[in-house]
Amino acid sequence: NGVIGVALNQWIAAIQKMEDHDIYLQAPKKIEFPDLVKTELKNLIYQLFIHYNLTKSELTRLYGKENAKWIERSLNSLESAGLIKINERDAYSINSLAKPYVENWLSELGFIK
């Protein structure tokens, strides 16, 4: 995607409406990382990054049924922060606007190279 791709995606996402030859933009949405101290939450983001999208049931298979409530809370937190979104098959994925930042963050943490 690169820096130009990120800028273009943010610009397109900011378009509110078009009338005649005018384009109305809204302020870009700020994506804030939630408090990511826990290794488990970092790993959850990593799983979503490498698998592109995962459903709750797929995440439950990865982390175990005993972690279903934790998965639910974590997904809600990440969705509220704008880091992830839900697609048409109820699978969670990294928000395309946040993806380059998440990729850099995972690289800094040593999850990816």
C-alpha atoms as a PDB file:
ATOM      1  CA  ASN A   1       0.000   0.000   0.000  1.00  0.00           C
ATOM      2  CA  GLY A   2       2.726   2.495   0.893  1.00  0.00           C
ATOM      3  CA  VAL A   3       2.364   6.048   2.167  1.00  0.00           C
ATOM      4  CA  ILE A   4       0.597   7.255  -0.971  1.00  0.00           C
ATOM      5  CA  GLY A   5      -1.901   4.400  -0.705  1.00  0.00           C
ATOM      6  CA  VAL A   6      -2.592   5.202   2.951  1.00  0.00           C
ATOM      7  CA  ALA A   7      -3.118   8.883   2.147  1.00  0.00           C
ATOM      8  CA  LEU A   8      -5.442   8.040  -0.754  1.00  0.00           C
ATOM      9  CA  ASN A   9      -7.477   5.619   1.380  1.00  0.00           C
ATOM     10  CA  GLN A  10      -7.852   8.235   4.112  1.00  0.00           C
ATOM     11  CA  TRP A  11      -8.865  10.881   1.599  1.00  0.00           C
ATOM     12  CA  ILE A  12     -11.470   8.602   0.000  1.00  0.00           C
ATOM     13  CA  ALA A  13     -12.810   7.586   3.424  1.00  0.00           C
ATOM     14  CA  ALA A  14     -13.239  11.276   4.321  1.00  0.00           C
ATOM     15  CA  ILE A  15     -15.576  12.041   1.387  1.00  0.00           C
ATOM     16  CA  GLN A  16     -18.957  12.903   2.812  1.00  0.00           C
ATOM     17  CA  LYS A  17     -20.820  13.844  -0.376  1.00  0.00           C
ATOM     18  CA  MET A  18     -20.368  15.220  -3.878  1.00  0.00           C
ATOM     19  CA  GLU A  19     -22.546  17.866  -5.493  1.00  0.00           C
ATOM     20  CA  ASP A  20     -21.935  19.163  -8.998  1.00  0.00           C
ATOM     21  CA  HIS A  21     -18.189  19.845  -9.006  1.00  0.00           C
ATOM     22  CA  ASP A  22     -17.839  20.125  -5.218  1.00  0.00           C
ATOM     23  CA  ILE A  23     -16.527  17.443  -2.890  1.00  0.00           C
ATOM     24  CA  TYR A  24     -17.382  17.719   0.798  1.00  0.00           C
ATOM     25  CA  LEU A  25     -14.914  16.112   3.185  1.00  0.00           C
ATOM     26  CA  GLN A  26     -15.171  15.307   6.870  1.00  0.00           C
ATOM     27  CA  ALA A  27     -12.209  15.309   9.219  1.00  0.00           C
ATOM     28  CA  PRO A  28     -10.288  12.029   9.006  1.00  0.00           C
ATOM     29  CA  LYS A  29     -11.229   9.501  11.631  1.00  0.00           C
ATOM     30  CA  LYS A  30      -8.559   9.184  14.252  1.00  0.00           C
ATOM     31  CA  ILE A  31      -7.640   5.599  15.041  1.00  0.00           C
ATOM     32  CA  GLU A  32      -6.393   5.174  18.580  1.00  0.00           C
ATOM     33  CA  PHE A  33      -4.755   2.034  19.847  1.00  0.00           C
ATOM     34  CA  PRO A  34      -6.337   0.668  23.021  1.00  0.00           C
ATOM     35  CA  ASP A  35      -4.063  -0.105  25.957  1.00  0.00           C
ATOM     36  CA  LEU A  36      -2.140  -3.035  24.554  1.00  0.00           C
ATOM     37  CA  VAL A  37      -0.086  -4.207  27.495  1.00  0.00           C
ATOM     38  CA  LYS A  38      -1.311  -7.792  27.556  1.00  0.00           C
ATOM     39  CA  THR A  39       0.541 -10.232  25.330  1.00  0.00           C
ATOM     40  CA  GLU A  40      -2.726 -12.051  24.604  1.00  0.00           C
ATOM     41  CA  LEU A  41      -4.262  -8.950  23.029  1.00  0.00           C
ATOM     42  CA  LYS A  42      -1.140  -8.345  20.961  1.00  0.00           C
ATOM     43  CA  ASN A  43      -1.349 -11.956  19.801  1.00  0.00           C
ATOM     44  CA  LEU A  44      -5.029 -11.535  18.888  1.00  0.00           C
ATOM     45  CA  ILE A  45      -4.169  -8.583  16.648  1.00  0.00           C
ATOM     46  CA  TYR A  46      -1.333 -10.620  15.143  1.00  0.00           C
ATOM     47  CA  GLN A  47      -3.724 -13.501  14.379  1.00  0.00           C
ATOM     48  CA  LEU A  48      -6.145 -11.125  12.669  1.00  0.00           C
ATOM     49  CA  PHE A  49      -3.258  -9.615  10.723  1.00  0.00           C
ATOM     50  CA  ILE A  50      -1.810 -12.890   9.428  1.00  0.00           C
ATOM     51  CA  HIS A  51      -5.167 -14.592   8.746  1.00  0.00           C
ATOM     52  CA  TYR A  52      -6.757 -11.445   7.195  1.00  0.00           C
ATOM     53  CA  ASN A  53     -10.085 -12.243   8.861  1.00  0.00           C
ATOM     54  CA  LEU A  54     -11.386 -14.614  11.513  1.00  0.00           C
ATOM     55  CA  THR A  55     -14.843 -15.279  12.944  1.00  0.00           C
ATOM     56  CA  LYS A  56     -15.526 -15.545  16.671  1.00  0.00           C
ATOM     57  CA  SER A  57     -15.840 -19.314  16.342  1.00  0.00           C
ATOM     58  CA  GLU A  58     -12.471 -19.520  14.578  1.00  0.00           C
ATOM     59  CA  LEU A  59     -10.895 -17.415  17.314  1.00  0.00           C
ATOM     60  CA  THR A  60     -12.519 -19.632  19.946  1.00  0.00           C
ATOM     61  CA  ARG A  61     -10.940 -22.671  18.281  1.00  0.00           C
ATOM     62  CA  LEU A  62      -7.562 -20.908  18.348  1.00  0.00           C
ATOM     63  CA  TYR A  63      -7.747 -19.725  21.966  1.00  0.00           C
ATOM     64  CA  GLY A  64     -10.075 -22.304  23.514  1.00  0.00           C
ATOM     65  CA  LYS A  65     -13.693 -22.217  24.685  1.00  0.00           C
ATOM     66  CA  GLU A  66     -12.623 -21.079  28.141  1.00  0.00           C
ATOM     67  CA  ASN A  67     -11.491 -17.771  26.559  1.00  0.00           C
ATOM     68  CA  ALA A  68     -14.753 -17.002  24.707  1.00  0.00           C
ATOM     69  CA  LYS A  69     -15.695 -14.089  27.002  1.00  0.00           C
ATOM     70  CA  TRP A  70     -12.177 -12.633  26.786  1.00  0.00           C
ATOM     71  CA  ILE A  71     -12.339 -12.885  22.974  1.00  0.00           C
ATOM     72  CA  GLU A  72     -15.700 -11.073  22.963  1.00  0.00           C
ATOM     73  CA  ARG A  73     -14.424  -8.251  25.207  1.00  0.00           C
ATOM     74  CA  SER A  74     -11.206  -7.902  23.214  1.00  0.00           C
ATOM     75  CA  LEU A  75     -13.000  -7.758  19.871  1.00  0.00           C
ATOM     76  CA  ASN A  76     -15.406  -5.129  21.220  1.00  0.00           C
ATOM     77  CA  SER A  77     -12.489  -3.051  22.499  1.00  0.00           C
ATOM     78  CA  LEU A  78     -10.585  -3.272  19.210  1.00  0.00           C
ATOM     79  CA  GLU A  79     -13.710  -2.491  17.199  1.00  0.00           C
ATOM     80  CA  SER A  80     -14.519   0.531  19.385  1.00  0.00           C
ATOM     81  CA  ALA A  81     -10.980   1.793  18.854  1.00  0.00           C
ATOM     82  CA  GLY A  82     -11.420   1.490  15.087  1.00  0.00           C
ATOM     83  CA  LEU A  83      -8.642  -1.069  14.686  1.00  0.00           C
ATOM     84  CA  ILE A  84     -10.870  -3.859  13.401  1.00  0.00           C
ATOM     85  CA  LYS A  85     -14.127  -4.183  11.492  1.00  0.00           C
ATOM     86  CA  ILE A  86     -16.676  -6.912  10.804  1.00  0.00           C
ATOM     87  CA  ASN A  87     -17.262  -8.117   7.250  1.00  0.00           C
ATOM     88  CA  GLU A  88     -20.329  -9.654   5.608  1.00  0.00           C
ATOM     89  CA  ARG A  89     -19.588 -13.164   6.953  1.00  0.00           C
ATOM     90  CA  ASP A  90     -19.266 -11.862  10.540  1.00  0.00           C
ATOM     91  CA  ALA A  91     -15.496 -12.201  10.429  1.00  0.00           C
ATOM     92  CA  TYR A  92     -13.193  -9.664  12.030  1.00  0.00           C
ATOM     93  CA  SER A  93     -10.338  -8.049  10.135  1.00  0.00           C
ATOM     94  CA  ILE A  94      -7.884  -5.206  10.594  1.00  0.00           C
ATOM     95  CA  ASN A  95      -9.353  -1.894   9.425  1.00  0.00           C
ATOM     96  CA  SER A  96      -7.689  -1.044   6.085  1.00  0.00           C
ATOM     97  CA  LEU A  97      -6.880   2.481   7.282  1.00  0.00           C
ATOM     98  CA  ALA A  98      -5.178   1.106  10.392  1.00  0.00           C
ATOM     99  CA  LYS A  99      -3.411  -1.814   8.686  1.00  0.00           C
ATOM    100  CA  PRO A 100      -0.145  -0.015   7.796  1.00  0.00           C
ATOM    101  CA  TYR A 101       0.148   1.264  11.367  1.00  0.00           C
ATOM    102  CA  VAL A 102      -0.639  -2.157  12.810  1.00  0.00           C
ATOM    103  CA  GLU A 103       1.953  -3.705  10.507  1.00  0.00           C
ATOM    104  CA  ASN A 104       4.639  -1.261  11.713  1.00  0.00           C
ATOM    105  CA  TRP A 105       3.635  -1.857  15.332  1.00  0.00           C
ATOM    106  CA  LEU A 106       3.792  -5.655  14.937  1.00  0.00           C
ATOM    107  CA  SER A 107       7.194  -5.285  13.296  1.00  0.00           C
ATOM    108  CA  GLU A 108       8.459  -3.141  16.189  1.00  0.00           C
ATOM    109  CA  LEU A 109       7.221  -5.804  18.632  1.00  0.00           C
ATOM    110  CA  GLY A 110       9.034  -8.525  16.678  1.00  0.00           C
ATOM    111  CA  PHE A 111       5.879 -10.393  15.630  1.00  0.00           C
ATOM    112  CA  ILE A 112       6.723  -9.927  11.933  1.00  0.00           C
ATOM    113  CA  LYS A 113       9.802  -8.959   9.952  1.00  0.00           C
END
